[in-house]
Amino acid sequence: MQRQCDVAVAVGAPQVQVTRAAAGRNAGVRFVLAADAPAANAEAAGNVTGAKPDEGLKAAVVQAIRQAVRTCNA
């Protein structure tokens, strides 16, 4: 990650693959990975949320942003 981000959203298989790899190196960033079939271990890192690109994606992004804001304000 080249910029200071609190939340990163990746959509599409290639972007999700690269972002999943970056999540382990960026523990302070919340990641939302939108893919048709999120990996079973997507949430294992603790800072990664897997979401299908459907109606639930908006809620997953909102939740990640809320968690980032809480962390910044703590």
N, C-alpha and C. Protein backbone atom coordinates (compact mmCIF):
# COMPACT_ATOMS: atom_id res chain seq x y z
N MET A 1 0.85 -1.18 0.00
CA MET A 1 0.00 0.00 0.00
C MET A 1 0.89 1.23 0.00
N GLN A 2 0.64 2.10 -0.93
CA GLN A 2 1.49 3.27 -1.09
C GLN A 2 0.98 4.48 -0.33
N ARG A 3 -0.25 4.47 0.07
CA ARG A 3 -0.83 5.62 0.78
C ARG A 3 -1.32 5.17 2.14
N GLN A 4 -1.58 6.13 2.98
CA GLN A 4 -2.10 5.84 4.31
C GLN A 4 -3.60 5.63 4.20
N CYS A 5 -4.07 4.41 4.40
CA CYS A 5 -5.48 4.08 4.29
C CYS A 5 -5.94 3.41 5.58
N ASP A 6 -7.17 3.65 5.95
CA ASP A 6 -7.76 2.96 7.09
C ASP A 6 -8.66 1.82 6.62
N VAL A 7 -9.22 1.96 5.41
CA VAL A 7 -10.09 0.94 4.84
C VAL A 7 -9.75 0.81 3.36
N ALA A 8 -9.62 -0.42 2.89
CA ALA A 8 -9.39 -0.67 1.47
C ALA A 8 -10.44 -1.67 1.00
N VAL A 9 -11.03 -1.39 -0.15
CA VAL A 9 -12.04 -2.27 -0.73
C VAL A 9 -11.50 -2.78 -2.07
N ALA A 10 -11.52 -4.08 -2.25
CA ALA A 10 -11.07 -4.68 -3.51
C ALA A 10 -12.24 -5.43 -4.15
N VAL A 11 -12.44 -5.20 -5.44
CA VAL A 11 -13.52 -5.85 -6.18
C VAL A 11 -12.93 -6.52 -7.40
N GLY A 12 -13.26 -7.79 -7.59
CA GLY A 12 -12.75 -8.54 -8.73
C GLY A 12 -11.63 -9.48 -8.32
N ALA A 13 -11.56 -10.60 -8.99
CA ALA A 13 -10.63 -11.67 -8.60
C ALA A 13 -9.17 -11.22 -8.55
N PRO A 14 -8.62 -10.55 -9.57
CA PRO A 14 -7.21 -10.16 -9.48
C PRO A 14 -6.93 -9.17 -8.35
N GLN A 15 -7.83 -8.21 -8.18
CA GLN A 15 -7.66 -7.22 -7.12
C GLN A 15 -7.77 -7.85 -5.74
N VAL A 16 -8.71 -8.78 -5.58
CA VAL A 16 -8.88 -9.47 -4.30
C VAL A 16 -7.64 -10.29 -3.97
N GLN A 17 -7.08 -10.95 -4.95
CA GLN A 17 -5.88 -11.77 -4.72
C GLN A 17 -4.71 -10.91 -4.23
N VAL A 18 -4.47 -9.79 -4.88
CA VAL A 18 -3.37 -8.91 -4.50
C VAL A 18 -3.64 -8.28 -3.13
N THR A 19 -4.86 -7.87 -2.89
CA THR A 19 -5.22 -7.23 -1.63
C THR A 19 -5.13 -8.20 -0.48
N ARG A 20 -5.54 -9.45 -0.69
CA ARG A 20 -5.45 -10.46 0.36
C ARG A 20 -3.99 -10.62 0.80
N ALA A 21 -3.06 -10.61 -0.15
CA ALA A 21 -1.65 -10.72 0.18
C ALA A 21 -1.17 -9.50 0.96
N ALA A 22 -1.67 -8.32 0.63
CA ALA A 22 -1.27 -7.09 1.31
C ALA A 22 -1.84 -7.00 2.72
N ALA A 23 -2.95 -7.66 2.99
CA ALA A 23 -3.60 -7.56 4.29
C ALA A 23 -2.69 -8.02 5.42
N GLY A 24 -1.93 -9.06 5.20
CA GLY A 24 -1.04 -9.56 6.24
C GLY A 24 0.08 -8.60 6.58
N ARG A 25 0.47 -7.77 5.63
CA ARG A 25 1.54 -6.80 5.85
C ARG A 25 1.03 -5.46 6.35
N ASN A 26 -0.28 -5.31 6.44
CA ASN A 26 -0.88 -4.03 6.84
C ASN A 26 -1.96 -4.26 7.89
N ALA A 27 -1.53 -4.67 9.06
CA ALA A 27 -2.47 -5.06 10.12
C ALA A 27 -3.35 -3.91 10.59
N GLY A 28 -2.93 -2.68 10.40
CA GLY A 28 -3.70 -1.54 10.86
C GLY A 28 -4.78 -1.09 9.89
N VAL A 29 -4.90 -1.77 8.77
CA VAL A 29 -5.88 -1.40 7.75
C VAL A 29 -6.98 -2.46 7.72
N ARG A 30 -8.23 -2.02 7.59
CA ARG A 30 -9.37 -2.92 7.41
C ARG A 30 -9.54 -3.16 5.92
N PHE A 31 -9.73 -4.41 5.53
CA PHE A 31 -9.89 -4.77 4.12
C PHE A 31 -11.24 -5.41 3.90
N VAL A 32 -11.93 -5.01 2.84
CA VAL A 32 -13.17 -5.65 2.41
C VAL A 32 -12.89 -6.21 1.02
N LEU A 33 -13.01 -7.53 0.91
CA LEU A 33 -12.75 -8.21 -0.35
C LEU A 33 -14.07 -8.66 -0.96
N ALA A 34 -14.41 -8.09 -2.09
CA ALA A 34 -15.66 -8.42 -2.76
C ALA A 34 -15.36 -9.38 -3.91
N ALA A 35 -15.82 -10.60 -3.75
CA ALA A 35 -15.60 -11.62 -4.78
C ALA A 35 -16.77 -12.59 -4.74
N ASP A 36 -17.02 -13.24 -5.87
CA ASP A 36 -18.13 -14.19 -5.92
C ASP A 36 -17.93 -15.34 -4.95
N ALA A 37 -16.68 -15.73 -4.73
CA ALA A 37 -16.39 -16.83 -3.80
C ALA A 37 -15.21 -16.45 -2.92
N PRO A 38 -15.47 -15.66 -1.84
CA PRO A 38 -14.38 -15.30 -0.93
C PRO A 38 -13.71 -16.55 -0.36
N ALA A 39 -12.42 -16.48 -0.18
CA ALA A 39 -11.68 -17.63 0.37
C ALA A 39 -12.16 -17.94 1.77
N ALA A 40 -12.13 -19.19 2.12
CA ALA A 40 -12.59 -19.63 3.45
C ALA A 40 -11.76 -18.99 4.54
N ASN A 41 -10.50 -18.69 4.28
CA ASN A 41 -9.63 -18.12 5.30
C ASN A 41 -9.52 -16.60 5.17
N ALA A 42 -10.43 -15.95 4.46
CA ALA A 42 -10.35 -14.52 4.25
C ALA A 42 -10.37 -13.74 5.56
N GLU A 43 -11.14 -14.21 6.53
CA GLU A 43 -11.26 -13.50 7.79
C GLU A 43 -10.17 -13.89 8.78
N ALA A 44 -9.31 -14.83 8.45
CA ALA A 44 -8.30 -15.34 9.38
C ALA A 44 -7.34 -14.25 9.83
N ALA A 45 -7.05 -13.29 8.98
CA ALA A 45 -6.11 -12.24 9.33
C ALA A 45 -6.66 -11.30 10.39
N GLY A 46 -7.96 -11.27 10.58
CA GLY A 46 -8.57 -10.39 11.58
C GLY A 46 -8.88 -9.00 11.05
N ASN A 47 -8.23 -8.57 10.00
CA ASN A 47 -8.50 -7.26 9.42
C ASN A 47 -9.13 -7.37 8.03
N VAL A 48 -9.62 -8.57 7.71
CA VAL A 48 -10.17 -8.83 6.39
C VAL A 48 -11.62 -9.31 6.51
N THR A 49 -12.48 -8.71 5.70
CA THR A 49 -13.87 -9.14 5.62
C THR A 49 -14.14 -9.57 4.18
N GLY A 50 -14.61 -10.78 4.01
CA GLY A 50 -15.00 -11.26 2.69
C GLY A 50 -16.48 -10.99 2.48
N ALA A 51 -16.84 -10.50 1.31
CA ALA A 51 -18.24 -10.21 1.01
C ALA A 51 -18.52 -10.50 -0.45
N LYS A 52 -19.69 -11.06 -0.70
CA LYS A 52 -20.10 -11.26 -2.09
C LYS A 52 -20.58 -9.92 -2.65
N PRO A 53 -20.36 -9.69 -3.94
CA PRO A 53 -20.79 -8.42 -4.53
C PRO A 53 -22.30 -8.41 -4.77
N ASP A 54 -23.04 -8.32 -3.69
CA ASP A 54 -24.50 -8.28 -3.76
C ASP A 54 -25.00 -7.24 -2.78
N GLU A 55 -26.22 -7.39 -2.32
CA GLU A 55 -26.79 -6.42 -1.39
C GLU A 55 -26.01 -6.31 -0.09
N GLY A 56 -25.31 -7.36 0.32
CA GLY A 56 -24.56 -7.36 1.57
C GLY A 56 -23.24 -6.61 1.50
N LEU A 57 -22.79 -6.28 0.31
CA LEU A 57 -21.50 -5.59 0.17
C LEU A 57 -21.54 -4.22 0.83
N LYS A 58 -22.60 -3.48 0.63
CA LYS A 58 -22.70 -2.14 1.22
C LYS A 58 -22.60 -2.22 2.74
N ALA A 59 -23.27 -3.17 3.35
CA ALA A 59 -23.23 -3.32 4.81
C ALA A 59 -21.82 -3.69 5.27
N ALA A 60 -21.11 -4.53 4.52
CA ALA A 60 -19.74 -4.92 4.89
C ALA A 60 -18.80 -3.72 4.84
N VAL A 61 -18.95 -2.88 3.82
CA VAL A 61 -18.11 -1.69 3.70
C VAL A 61 -18.43 -0.70 4.83
N VAL A 62 -19.70 -0.49 5.11
CA VAL A 62 -20.11 0.41 6.19
C VAL A 62 -19.53 -0.07 7.52
N GLN A 63 -19.60 -1.36 7.79
CA GLN A 63 -19.08 -1.91 9.04
C GLN A 63 -17.57 -1.71 9.14
N ALA A 64 -16.85 -1.93 8.06
CA ALA A 64 -15.39 -1.74 8.07
C ALA A 64 -15.04 -0.28 8.34
N ILE A 65 -15.78 0.64 7.75
CA ILE A 65 -15.52 2.07 7.97
C ILE A 65 -15.83 2.44 9.42
N ARG A 66 -16.92 1.94 9.95
CA ARG A 66 -17.25 2.23 11.36
C ARG A 66 -16.17 1.72 12.29
N GLN A 67 -15.66 0.52 12.05
CA GLN A 67 -14.60 -0.02 12.89
C GLN A 67 -13.32 0.81 12.78
N ALA A 68 -13.01 1.29 11.59
CA ALA A 68 -11.83 2.13 11.40
C ALA A 68 -11.99 3.46 12.15
N VAL A 69 -13.18 4.05 12.09
CA VAL A 69 -13.42 5.31 12.78
C VAL A 69 -13.32 5.11 14.28
N ARG A 70 -13.90 4.03 14.80
CA ARG A 70 -13.80 3.75 16.24
C ARG A 70 -12.35 3.62 16.67
N THR A 71 -11.55 2.95 15.86
CA THR A 71 -10.13 2.74 16.17
C THR A 71 -9.40 4.09 16.19
N CYS A 72 -9.70 4.95 15.24
CA CYS A 72 -9.05 6.27 15.18
C CYS A 72 -9.45 7.16 16.35
N ASN A 73 -10.69 7.03 16.81
CA ASN A 73 -11.19 7.87 17.88
C ASN A 73 -10.89 7.31 19.27
N ALA A 74 -10.34 6.11 19.33
CA ALA A 74 -10.08 5.48 20.63
C ALA A 74 -8.84 6.06 21.29
